[in-house]
Amino acid sequence: MYARRRRGYFLLMGGCVALFVSAWAVVRLWSVPVAVGMCVVAMVIPPVAAMVANRRGPDDRWWDDPSGDPQSDEWWDELDGRKRR
């Protein structure tokens, strides 16, 4: 799971860098508005990459899963107002 998320993140960020560099190294010579548009697209990619990298998989633990320590789980359940299972 982790390797797939990491690969997706690096692919997206690599695409972001490639868009930005090609926009100002090559595309601006023919069309500045297209280069600016490419940079706007590149600007949207990092938040999407962060969401991909931090997405919870079906086998991943989540923040409210029981930790395995009965005393700690009971304490957190009490704080959250949940009844103990």
Protein backbone atom coordinates (compact mmCIF):
# COMPACT_ATOMS: atom_id res chain seq x y z
CA MET A 1 0.00 0.00 0.00
CA TYR A 2 2.63 2.49 1.04
CA ALA A 3 4.76 1.89 -2.05
CA ARG A 4 1.80 2.48 -4.38
CA ARG A 5 0.87 5.75 -2.66
CA ARG A 6 4.49 6.89 -2.69
CA ARG A 7 4.85 6.06 -6.39
CA GLY A 8 1.66 7.98 -7.19
CA TYR A 9 2.89 10.98 -5.22
CA PHE A 10 6.26 11.06 -6.98
CA LEU A 11 4.64 10.64 -10.40
CA LEU A 12 2.30 13.56 -9.75
CA MET A 13 5.06 15.77 -8.36
CA GLY A 14 7.36 14.82 -11.24
CA GLY A 15 4.62 15.84 -13.66
CA CYS A 16 4.24 19.11 -11.79
CA VAL A 17 7.94 19.90 -12.06
CA ALA A 18 7.98 18.85 -15.74
CA LEU A 19 5.03 21.14 -16.51
CA PHE A 20 6.59 24.08 -14.73
CA VAL A 21 10.04 23.69 -16.27
CA SER A 22 8.78 23.02 -19.79
CA ALA A 23 6.37 25.96 -19.55
CA TRP A 24 9.12 28.48 -18.90
CA ALA A 25 11.99 26.79 -20.78
CA VAL A 26 10.19 25.94 -24.02
CA VAL A 27 6.53 26.90 -24.28
CA ARG A 28 6.97 30.58 -23.35
CA LEU A 29 8.97 31.07 -26.55
CA TRP A 30 5.78 30.43 -28.57
CA SER A 31 3.00 31.46 -26.21
CA VAL A 32 3.20 33.10 -22.80
CA PRO A 33 -0.53 32.60 -22.03
CA VAL A 34 -0.16 28.85 -22.62
CA ALA A 35 2.90 28.81 -20.36
CA VAL A 36 0.92 30.61 -17.64
CA GLY A 37 -1.91 28.09 -18.08
CA MET A 38 0.55 25.24 -17.70
CA CYS A 39 1.80 26.81 -14.46
CA VAL A 40 -1.77 27.11 -13.19
CA VAL A 41 -2.29 23.41 -13.86
CA ALA A 42 1.05 22.68 -12.13
CA MET A 43 -0.14 24.74 -9.17
CA VAL A 44 -3.15 22.44 -8.66
CA ILE A 45 -1.14 19.21 -8.71
CA PRO A 46 0.68 19.40 -5.30
CA PRO A 47 -2.51 19.37 -3.17
CA VAL A 48 -3.83 16.46 -5.23
CA ALA A 49 -0.50 14.66 -4.77
CA ALA A 50 -0.73 15.18 -1.00
CA MET A 51 -4.23 13.70 -0.99
CA VAL A 52 -3.02 10.69 -2.98
CA ALA A 53 -0.06 10.17 -0.65
CA ASN A 54 -2.17 10.42 2.52
CA ARG A 55 -5.19 8.45 1.35
CA ARG A 56 -6.22 5.71 3.74
CA GLY A 57 -6.08 2.23 2.31
CA PRO A 58 -8.48 -0.55 3.27
CA ASP A 59 -5.81 -2.24 5.43
CA ASP A 60 -4.47 0.93 7.07
CA ARG A 61 -5.24 1.74 10.70
CA TRP A 62 -7.18 4.90 11.32
CA TRP A 63 -6.88 7.38 14.17
CA ASP A 64 -9.88 6.08 16.10
CA ASP A 65 -9.12 2.36 15.82
CA PRO A 66 -8.46 0.61 19.12
CA SER A 67 -4.79 0.70 20.04
CA GLY A 68 -4.78 -2.63 21.84
CA ASP A 69 -4.17 -1.09 25.27
CA PRO A 70 -7.48 -1.58 27.15
CA GLN A 71 -6.88 1.23 29.62
CA SER A 72 -5.97 3.72 26.89
CA ASP A 73 -8.90 2.67 24.69
CA GLU A 74 -11.30 3.02 27.61
CA TRP A 75 -9.94 6.47 28.40
CA TRP A 76 -10.27 7.68 24.80
CA ASP A 77 -13.77 6.22 24.50
CA GLU A 78 -14.76 8.09 27.65
CA LEU A 79 -13.36 11.35 26.25
CA ASP A 80 -15.15 10.84 22.94
CA GLY A 81 -18.42 10.03 24.70
CA ARG A 82 -18.60 6.53 23.26
CA LYS A 83 -19.66 3.45 25.09
CA ARG A 84 -17.14 0.66 25.41
CA ARG A 85 -17.77 -2.21 23.00
